[in-house]
Amino acid sequence: TLVPVAQNPLDALWSDRPAPPAAPVKAHRADYAGED
């Protein structure tokens, strides 16, 4: 039987798990994108 889990069991074991990324979201220049 295949069983979905609500919480990944690895996450509770990973004591020094890094924080999620928080990099800024920037606009891409219109002249490089070529379409709005």
PDB file of all heavy atoms in Angstrom:
ATOM      1  N   THR A   1       0.847  -1.191   0.000  1.00  0.00           N
ATOM      2  CA  THR A   1       0.000   0.000   0.000  1.00  0.00           C
ATOM      3  C   THR A   1       0.883   1.242   0.000  1.00  0.00           C
ATOM      4  O   THR A   1       1.862   1.327   0.753  1.00  0.00           O
ATOM      5  CB  THR A   1      -0.893   0.038   1.255  1.00  0.00           C
ATOM      6  OG1 THR A   1      -1.626  -1.187   1.346  1.00  0.00           O
ATOM      7  CG2 THR A   1      -1.862   1.214   1.197  1.00  0.00           C
ATOM      8  N   LEU A   2       0.539   2.217  -0.865  1.00  0.00           N
ATOM      9  CA  LEU A   2       1.256   3.486  -0.902  1.00  0.00           C
ATOM     10  C   LEU A   2       0.545   4.465   0.025  1.00  0.00           C
ATOM     11  O   LEU A   2      -0.671   4.666  -0.082  1.00  0.00           O
ATOM     12  CB  LEU A   2       1.300   4.034  -2.328  1.00  0.00           C
ATOM     13  CG  LEU A   2       2.173   5.267  -2.563  1.00  0.00           C
ATOM     14  CD1 LEU A   2       3.647   4.940  -2.346  1.00  0.00           C
ATOM     15  CD2 LEU A   2       1.970   5.817  -3.982  1.00  0.00           C
ATOM     16  N   VAL A   3       1.298   5.082   0.930  1.00  0.00           N
ATOM     17  CA  VAL A   3       0.700   5.913   1.972  1.00  0.00           C
ATOM     18  C   VAL A   3       1.277   7.325   1.939  1.00  0.00           C
ATOM     19  O   VAL A   3       2.471   7.526   2.167  1.00  0.00           O
ATOM     20  CB  VAL A   3       0.957   5.305   3.366  1.00  0.00           C
ATOM     21  CG1 VAL A   3       0.302   6.156   4.450  1.00  0.00           C
ATOM     22  CG2 VAL A   3       0.453   3.866   3.435  1.00  0.00           C
ATOM     23  N   PRO A   4       0.433   8.360   1.674  1.00  0.00           N
ATOM     24  CA  PRO A   4       0.934   9.745   1.765  1.00  0.00           C
ATOM     25  C   PRO A   4       1.108  10.140   3.220  1.00  0.00           C
ATOM     26  O   PRO A   4       0.326   9.729   4.087  1.00  0.00           O
ATOM     27  CB  PRO A   4      -0.173  10.556   1.093  1.00  0.00           C
ATOM     28  CG  PRO A   4      -1.415   9.743   1.286  1.00  0.00           C
ATOM     29  CD  PRO A   4      -0.990   8.300   1.276  1.00  0.00           C
ATOM     30  N   VAL A   5       2.131  10.943   3.493  1.00  0.00           N
ATOM     31  CA  VAL A   5       2.348  11.410   4.856  1.00  0.00           C
ATOM     32  C   VAL A   5       2.099  12.913   4.913  1.00  0.00           C
ATOM     33  O   VAL A   5       2.396  13.647   3.967  1.00  0.00           O
ATOM     34  CB  VAL A   5       3.780  11.092   5.353  1.00  0.00           C
ATOM     35  CG1 VAL A   5       4.024   9.591   5.358  1.00  0.00           C
ATOM     36  CG2 VAL A   5       4.830  11.804   4.507  1.00  0.00           C
ATOM     37  N   ALA A   6       1.548  13.354   6.037  1.00  0.00           N
ATOM     38  CA  ALA A   6       1.259  14.777   6.203  1.00  0.00           C
ATOM     39  C   ALA A   6       2.525  15.565   6.500  1.00  0.00           C
ATOM     40  O   ALA A   6       2.667  16.727   6.091  1.00  0.00           O
ATOM     41  CB  ALA A   6       0.236  14.975   7.321  1.00  0.00           C
ATOM     42  N   GLN A   7       3.460  14.962   7.220  1.00  0.00           N
ATOM     43  CA  GLN A   7       4.730  15.599   7.550  1.00  0.00           C
ATOM     44  C   GLN A   7       5.865  14.680   7.141  1.00  0.00           C
ATOM     45  O   GLN A   7       5.861  13.495   7.480  1.00  0.00           O
ATOM     46  CB  GLN A   7       4.815  15.888   9.059  1.00  0.00           C
ATOM     47  CG  GLN A   7       3.754  16.849   9.575  1.00  0.00           C
ATOM     48  CD  GLN A   7       3.916  18.248   9.031  1.00  0.00           C
ATOM     49  OE1 GLN A   7       5.031  18.701   8.778  1.00  0.00           O
ATOM     50  NE2 GLN A   7       2.799  18.953   8.829  1.00  0.00           N
ATOM     51  N   ASN A   8       6.834  15.217   6.396  1.00  0.00           N
ATOM     52  CA  ASN A   8       7.964  14.408   5.961  1.00  0.00           C
ATOM     53  C   ASN A   8       8.784  13.988   7.191  1.00  0.00           C
ATOM     54  O   ASN A   8       9.250  14.850   7.939  1.00  0.00           O
ATOM     55  CB  ASN A   8       8.836  15.212   4.988  1.00  0.00           C
ATOM     56  CG  ASN A   8       9.824  14.353   4.251  1.00  0.00           C
ATOM     57  OD1 ASN A   8      10.606  13.613   4.850  1.00  0.00           O
ATOM     58  ND2 ASN A   8       9.809  14.440   2.929  1.00  0.00           N
ATOM     59  N   PRO A   9       8.961  12.695   7.433  1.00  0.00           N
ATOM     60  CA  PRO A   9       9.666  12.258   8.648  1.00  0.00           C
ATOM     61  C   PRO A   9      11.126  12.704   8.713  1.00  0.00           C
ATOM     62  O   PRO A   9      11.696  12.815   9.801  1.00  0.00           O
ATOM     63  CB  PRO A   9       9.563  10.730   8.594  1.00  0.00           C
ATOM     64  CG  PRO A   9       9.322  10.412   7.154  1.00  0.00           C
ATOM     65  CD  PRO A   9       8.521  11.555   6.614  1.00  0.00           C
ATOM     66  N   LEU A  10      11.728  12.989   7.581  1.00  0.00           N
ATOM     67  CA  LEU A  10      13.116  13.448   7.591  1.00  0.00           C
ATOM     68  C   LEU A  10      13.260  14.807   8.261  1.00  0.00           C
ATOM     69  O   LEU A  10      14.282  15.092   8.893  1.00  0.00           O
ATOM     70  CB  LEU A  10      13.663  13.520   6.163  1.00  0.00           C
ATOM     71  CG  LEU A  10      13.964  12.195   5.477  1.00  0.00           C
ATOM     72  CD1 LEU A  10      14.271  12.429   4.007  1.00  0.00           C
ATOM     73  CD2 LEU A  10      15.110  11.487   6.145  1.00  0.00           C
ATOM     74  N   ASP A  11      12.233  15.643   8.144  1.00  0.00           N
ATOM     75  CA  ASP A  11      12.344  17.010   8.653  1.00  0.00           C
ATOM     76  C   ASP A  11      12.497  17.046  10.173  1.00  0.00           C
ATOM     77  O   ASP A  11      13.199  17.906  10.715  1.00  0.00           O
ATOM     78  CB  ASP A  11      11.129  17.826   8.216  1.00  0.00           C
ATOM     79  CG  ASP A  11      11.030  17.963   6.703  1.00  0.00           C
ATOM     80  OD1 ASP A  11      12.002  17.589   6.013  1.00  0.00           O
ATOM     81  OD2 ASP A  11       9.981  18.407   6.209  1.00  0.00           O
ATOM     82  N   ALA A  12      11.858  16.117  10.860  1.00  0.00           N
ATOM     83  CA  ALA A  12      11.970  16.072  12.321  1.00  0.00           C
ATOM     84  C   ALA A  12      13.335  15.548  12.766  1.00  0.00           C
ATOM     85  O   ALA A  12      13.799  15.858  13.867  1.00  0.00           O
ATOM     86  CB  ALA A  12      10.866  15.188  12.895  1.00  0.00           C
ATOM     87  N   LEU A  13      13.987  14.766  11.901  1.00  0.00           N
ATOM     88  CA  LEU A  13      15.297  14.195  12.233  1.00  0.00           C
ATOM     89  C   LEU A  13      16.433  15.168  11.923  1.00  0.00           C
ATOM     90  O   LEU A  13      17.500  15.083  12.520  1.00  0.00           O
ATOM     91  CB  LEU A  13      15.512  12.899  11.443  1.00  0.00           C
ATOM     92  CG  LEU A  13      14.465  11.797  11.618  1.00  0.00           C
ATOM     93  CD1 LEU A  13      14.761  10.652  10.657  1.00  0.00           C
ATOM     94  CD2 LEU A  13      14.440  11.310  13.056  1.00  0.00           C
ATOM     95  N   TRP A  14      16.198  16.083  10.995  1.00  0.00           N
ATOM     96  CA  TRP A  14      17.234  16.988  10.483  1.00  0.00           C
ATOM     97  C   TRP A  14      17.371  18.169  11.442  1.00  0.00           C
ATOM     98  O   TRP A  14      16.793  19.233  11.241  1.00  0.00           O
ATOM     99  CB  TRP A  14      16.828  17.441   9.089  1.00  0.00           C
ATOM    100  CG  TRP A  14      17.885  18.102   8.283  1.00  0.00           C
ATOM    101  CD1 TRP A  14      19.126  18.497   8.682  1.00  0.00           C
ATOM    102  CD2 TRP A  14      17.782  18.477   6.898  1.00  0.00           C
ATOM    103  NE1 TRP A  14      19.798  19.084   7.647  1.00  0.00           N
ATOM    104  CE2 TRP A  14      19.001  19.083   6.543  1.00  0.00           C
ATOM    105  CE3 TRP A  14      16.783  18.350   5.940  1.00  0.00           C
ATOM    106  CZ2 TRP A  14      19.234  19.564   5.259  1.00  0.00           C
ATOM    107  CZ3 TRP A  14      17.012  18.832   4.665  1.00  0.00           C
ATOM    108  CH2 TRP A  14      18.228  19.431   4.327  1.00  0.00           C
ATOM    109  N   SER A  15      18.155  17.989  12.492  1.00  0.00           N
ATOM    110  CA  SER A  15      18.218  18.964  13.586  1.00  0.00           C
ATOM    111  C   SER A  15      18.848  20.290  13.176  1.00  0.00           C
ATOM    112  O   SER A  15      18.492  21.349  13.697  1.00  0.00           O
ATOM    113  CB  SER A  15      18.979  18.375  14.772  1.00  0.00           C
ATOM    114  OG  SER A  15      20.293  18.003  14.388  1.00  0.00           O
ATOM    115  N   ASP A  16      19.794  20.256  12.247  1.00  0.00           N
ATOM    116  CA  ASP A  16      20.459  21.493  11.827  1.00  0.00           C
ATOM    117  C   ASP A  16      20.013  21.917  10.430  1.00  0.00           C
ATOM    118  O   ASP A  16      20.782  22.459   9.652  1.00  0.00           O
ATOM    119  CB  ASP A  16      21.982  21.338  11.871  1.00  0.00           C
ATOM    120  CG  ASP A  16      22.479  20.202  10.994  1.00  0.00           C
ATOM    121  OD1 ASP A  16      21.640  19.374  10.540  1.00  0.00           O
ATOM    122  OD2 ASP A  16      23.702  20.112  10.754  1.00  0.00           O
ATOM    123  N   ARG A  17      18.753  21.675  10.139  1.00  0.00           N
ATOM    124  CA  ARG A  17      18.209  21.998   8.821  1.00  0.00           C
ATOM    125  C   ARG A  17      18.301  23.497   8.560  1.00  0.00           C
ATOM    126  O   ARG A  17      17.906  24.313   9.402  1.00  0.00           O
ATOM    127  CB  ARG A  17      16.755  21.548   8.742  1.00  0.00           C
ATOM    128  CG  ARG A  17      16.131  21.651   7.360  1.00  0.00           C
ATOM    129  CD  ARG A  17      14.676  21.209   7.408  1.00  0.00           C
ATOM    130  NE  ARG A  17      14.072  21.270   6.091  1.00  0.00           N
ATOM    131  CZ  ARG A  17      12.767  21.237   5.874  1.00  0.00           C
ATOM    132  NH1 ARG A  17      11.918  21.141   6.915  1.00  0.00           N
ATOM    133  NH2 ARG A  17      12.282  21.291   4.639  1.00  0.00           N
ATOM    134  N   PRO A  18      18.823  23.905   7.389  1.00  0.00           N
ATOM    135  CA  PRO A  18      18.939  25.336   7.080  1.00  0.00           C
ATOM    136  C   PRO A  18      17.564  26.013   6.989  1.00  0.00           C
ATOM    137  O   PRO A  18      16.548  25.357   6.767  1.00  0.00           O
ATOM    138  CB  PRO A  18      19.648  25.350   5.719  1.00  0.00           C
ATOM    139  CG  PRO A  18      20.303  24.016   5.606  1.00  0.00           C
ATOM    140  CD  PRO A  18      19.417  23.067   6.344  1.00  0.00           C
ATOM    141  N   ALA A  19      17.578  27.318   7.130  1.00  0.00           N
ATOM    142  CA  ALA A  19      16.345  28.103   6.990  1.00  0.00           C
ATOM    143  C   ALA A  19      15.979  28.220   5.507  1.00  0.00           C
ATOM    144  O   ALA A  19      16.851  28.132   4.630  1.00  0.00           O
ATOM    145  CB  ALA A  19      16.545  29.487   7.584  1.00  0.00           C
ATOM    146  N   PRO A  20      14.706  28.412   5.198  1.00  0.00           N
ATOM    147  CA  PRO A  20      14.309  28.636   3.804  1.00  0.00           C
ATOM    148  C   PRO A  20      14.993  29.878   3.244  1.00  0.00           C
ATOM    149  O   PRO A  20      15.325  30.809   3.995  1.00  0.00           O
ATOM    150  CB  PRO A  20      12.791  28.827   3.896  1.00  0.00           C
ATOM    151  CG  PRO A  20      12.397  28.169   5.170  1.00  0.00           C
ATOM    152  CD  PRO A  20      13.552  28.376   6.105  1.00  0.00           C
ATOM    153  N   PRO A  21      15.216  29.937   1.931  1.00  0.00           N
ATOM    154  CA  PRO A  21      15.891  31.097   1.339  1.00  0.00           C
ATOM    155  C   PRO A  21      15.029  32.349   1.433  1.00  0.00           C
ATOM    156  O   PRO A  21      13.797  32.280   1.463  1.00  0.00           O
ATOM    157  CB  PRO A  21      16.104  30.668  -0.114  1.00  0.00           C
ATOM    158  CG  PRO A  21      15.049  29.646  -0.368  1.00  0.00           C
ATOM    159  CD  PRO A  21      14.856  28.923   0.930  1.00  0.00           C
ATOM    160  N   ALA A  22      15.711  33.488   1.475  1.00  0.00           N
ATOM    161  CA  ALA A  22      14.997  34.769   1.590  1.00  0.00           C
ATOM    162  C   ALA A  22      15.587  35.803   0.639  1.00  0.00           C
ATOM    163  O   ALA A  22      15.668  36.988   0.959  1.00  0.00           O
ATOM    164  CB  ALA A  22      15.059  35.263   3.023  1.00  0.00           C
ATOM    165  N   ALA A  23      16.020  35.364  -0.548  1.00  0.00           N
ATOM    166  CA  ALA A  23      16.638  36.278  -1.507  1.00  0.00           C
ATOM    167  C   ALA A  23      15.604  37.269  -2.053  1.00  0.00           C
ATOM    168  O   ALA A  23      14.429  36.920  -2.226  1.00  0.00           O
ATOM    169  CB  ALA A  23      17.255  35.487  -2.659  1.00  0.00           C
ATOM    170  N   PRO A  24      16.008  38.494  -2.331  1.00  0.00           N
ATOM    171  CA  PRO A  24      15.060  39.472  -2.869  1.00  0.00           C
ATOM    172  C   PRO A  24      14.591  39.103  -4.272  1.00  0.00           C
ATOM    173  O   PRO A  24      15.338  38.523  -5.061  1.00  0.00           O
ATOM    174  CB  PRO A  24      15.870  40.774  -2.887  1.00  0.00           C
ATOM    175  CG  PRO A  24      17.302  40.354  -2.893  1.00  0.00           C
ATOM    176  CD  PRO A  24      17.355  39.072  -2.130  1.00  0.00           C
ATOM    177  N   VAL A  25      13.351  39.426  -4.561  1.00  0.00           N
ATOM    178  CA  VAL A  25      12.766  39.233  -5.894  1.00  0.00           C
ATOM    179  C   VAL A  25      12.860  40.563  -6.624  1.00  0.00           C
ATOM    180  O   VAL A  25      12.359  41.587  -6.141  1.00  0.00           O
ATOM    181  CB  VAL A  25      11.311  38.765  -5.796  1.00  0.00           C
ATOM    182  CG1 VAL A  25      10.701  38.609  -7.192  1.00  0.00           C
ATOM    183  CG2 VAL A  25      11.221  37.460  -5.019  1.00  0.00           C
ATOM    184  N   LYS A  26      13.518  40.549  -7.782  1.00  0.00           N
ATOM    185  CA  LYS A  26      13.774  41.779  -8.520  1.00  0.00           C
ATOM    186  C   LYS A  26      13.074  41.768  -9.869  1.00  0.00           C
ATOM    187  O   LYS A  26      12.746  40.714 -10.409  1.00  0.00           O
ATOM    188  CB  LYS A  26      15.289  41.953  -8.727  1.00  0.00           C
ATOM    189  CG  LYS A  26      16.094  41.980  -7.436  1.00  0.00           C
ATOM    190  CD  LYS A  26      17.583  42.078  -7.716  1.00  0.00           C
ATOM    191  CE  LYS A  26      18.398  42.092  -6.424  1.00  0.00           C
ATOM    192  NZ  LYS A  26      19.857  42.167  -6.683  1.00  0.00           N
ATOM    193  N   ALA A  27      12.902  42.948 -10.432  1.00  0.00           N
ATOM    194  CA  ALA A  27      12.323  43.062 -11.773  1.00  0.00           C
ATOM    195  C   ALA A  27      13.394  42.765 -12.819  1.00  0.00           C
ATOM    196  O   ALA A  27      14.556  43.133 -12.658  1.00  0.00           O
ATOM    197  CB  ALA A  27      11.756  44.460 -11.972  1.00  0.00           C
ATOM    198  N   HIS A  28      12.994  42.070 -13.896  1.00  0.00           N
ATOM    199  CA  HIS A  28      13.877  41.793 -15.020  1.00  0.00           C
ATOM    200  C   HIS A  28      13.667  42.884 -16.071  1.00  0.00           C
ATOM    201  O   HIS A  28      12.526  43.204 -16.419  1.00  0.00           O
ATOM    202  CB  HIS A  28      13.550  40.418 -15.603  1.00  0.00           C
ATOM    203  CG  HIS A  28      14.483  39.962 -16.677  1.00  0.00           C
ATOM    204  ND1 HIS A  28      15.855  40.031 -16.558  1.00  0.00           N
ATOM    205  CD2 HIS A  28      14.242  39.412 -17.897  1.00  0.00           C
ATOM    206  CE1 HIS A  28      16.415  39.536 -17.647  1.00  0.00           C
ATOM    207  NE2 HIS A  28      15.461  39.164 -18.478  1.00  0.00           N
ATOM    208  N   ARG A  29      14.770  43.454 -16.547  1.00  0.00           N
ATOM    209  CA  ARG A  29      14.676  44.606 -17.443  1.00  0.00           C
ATOM    210  C   ARG A  29      13.835  44.321 -18.681  1.00  0.00           C
ATOM    211  O   ARG A  29      13.956  43.269 -19.322  1.00  0.00           O
ATOM    212  CB  ARG A  29      16.079  45.043 -17.866  1.00  0.00           C
ATOM    213  CG  ARG A  29      16.762  45.898 -16.836  1.00  0.00           C
ATOM    214  CD  ARG A  29      18.186  46.235 -17.215  1.00  0.00           C
ATOM    215  NE  ARG A  29      18.371  46.659 -18.602  1.00  0.00           N
ATOM    216  CZ  ARG A  29      19.540  47.072 -19.097  1.00  0.00           C
ATOM    217  NH1 ARG A  29      20.595  47.116 -18.286  1.00  0.00           N
ATOM    218  NH2 ARG A  29      19.637  47.435 -20.348  1.00  0.00           N
ATOM    219  N   ALA A  30      12.986  45.272 -19.042  1.00  0.00           N
ATOM    220  CA  ALA A  30      12.075  45.103 -20.165  1.00  0.00           C
ATOM    221  C   ALA A  30      12.818  44.900 -21.482  1.00  0.00           C
ATOM    222  O   ALA A  30      12.385  44.123 -22.340  1.00  0.00           O
ATOM    223  CB  ALA A  30      11.142  46.308 -20.259  1.00  0.00           C
ATOM    224  N   ASP A  31      13.964  45.601 -21.645  1.00  0.00           N
ATOM    225  CA  ASP A  31      14.686  45.465 -22.918  1.00  0.00           C
ATOM    226  C   ASP A  31      15.347  44.105 -23.038  1.00  0.00           C
ATOM    227  O   ASP A  31      15.667  43.664 -24.153  1.00  0.00           O
ATOM    228  CB  ASP A  31      15.711  46.590 -23.089  1.00  0.00           C
ATOM    229  CG  ASP A  31      16.686  46.683 -21.937  1.00  0.00           C
ATOM    230  OD1 ASP A  31      16.340  46.266 -20.815  1.00  0.00           O
ATOM    231  OD2 ASP A  31      17.808  47.183 -22.146  1.00  0.00           O
ATOM    232  N   TYR A  32      15.578  43.397 -21.927  1.00  0.00           N
ATOM    233  CA  TYR A  32      16.095  42.029 -21.990  1.00  0.00           C
ATOM    234  C   TYR A  32      14.959  41.022 -22.165  1.00  0.00           C
ATOM    235  O   TYR A  32      15.112  40.010 -22.840  1.00  0.00           O
ATOM    236  CB  TYR A  32      16.878  41.684 -20.724  1.00  0.00           C
ATOM    237  CG  TYR A  32      18.178  42.445 -20.562  1.00  0.00           C
ATOM    238  CD1 TYR A  32      18.677  42.711 -19.292  1.00  0.00           C
ATOM    239  CD2 TYR A  32      18.884  42.898 -21.668  1.00  0.00           C
ATOM    240  CE1 TYR A  32      19.866  43.413 -19.125  1.00  0.00           C
ATOM    241  CE2 TYR A  32      20.072  43.601 -21.517  1.00  0.00           C
ATOM    242  CZ  TYR A  32      20.555  43.859 -20.239  1.00  0.00           C
ATOM    243  OH  TYR A  32      21.731  44.548 -20.086  1.00  0.00           O
ATOM    244  N   ALA A  33      13.812  41.297 -21.533  1.00  0.00           N
ATOM    245  CA  ALA A  33      12.676  40.380 -21.611  1.00  0.00           C
ATOM    246  C   ALA A  33      12.020  40.400 -22.991  1.00  0.00           C
ATOM    247  O   ALA A  33      11.601  39.361 -23.507  1.00  0.00           O
ATOM    248  CB  ALA A  33      11.640  40.729 -20.545  1.00  0.00           C
ATOM    249  N   GLY A  34      11.905  41.576 -23.581  1.00  0.00           N
ATOM    250  CA  GLY A  34      11.348  41.676 -24.924  1.00  0.00           C
ATOM    251  C   GLY A  34       9.833  41.579 -25.026  1.00  0.00           C
ATOM    252  O   GLY A  34       9.275  41.693 -26.111  1.00  0.00           O
ATOM    253  N   GLU A  35       9.158  41.350 -23.906  1.00  0.00           N
ATOM    254  CA  GLU A  35       7.694  41.266 -23.904  1.00  0.00           C
ATOM    255  C   GLU A  35       7.224  41.558 -22.487  1.00  0.00           C
ATOM    256  O   GLU A  35       7.816  41.073 -21.516  1.00  0.00           O
ATOM    257  CB  GLU A  35       7.222  39.881 -24.345  1.00  0.00           C
ATOM    258  CG  GLU A  35       5.710  39.756 -24.463  1.00  0.00           C
ATOM    259  CD  GLU A  35       5.249  38.373 -24.914  1.00  0.00           C
ATOM    260  OE1 GLU A  35       6.098  37.465 -24.998  1.00  0.00           O
ATOM    261  OE2 GLU A  35       4.041  38.202 -25.174  1.00  0.00           O
ATOM    262  N   ASP A  36       6.142  42.338 -22.344  1.00  0.00           N
ATOM    263  CA  ASP A  36       5.697  42.685 -21.004  1.00  0.00           C
ATOM    264  C   ASP A  36       4.772  41.613 -20.441  1.00  0.00           C
ATOM    265  O   ASP A  36       4.200  40.808 -21.179  1.00  0.00           O
ATOM    266  CB  ASP A  36       5.049  44.066 -20.976  1.00  0.00           C
ATOM    267  CG  ASP A  36       3.798  44.169 -21.844  1.00  0.00           C
ATOM    268  OD1 ASP A  36       3.009  43.205 -21.871  1.00  0.00           O
ATOM    269  OD2 ASP A  36       3.618  45.209 -22.500  1.00  0.00           O
TER     270      ASP A  36
END
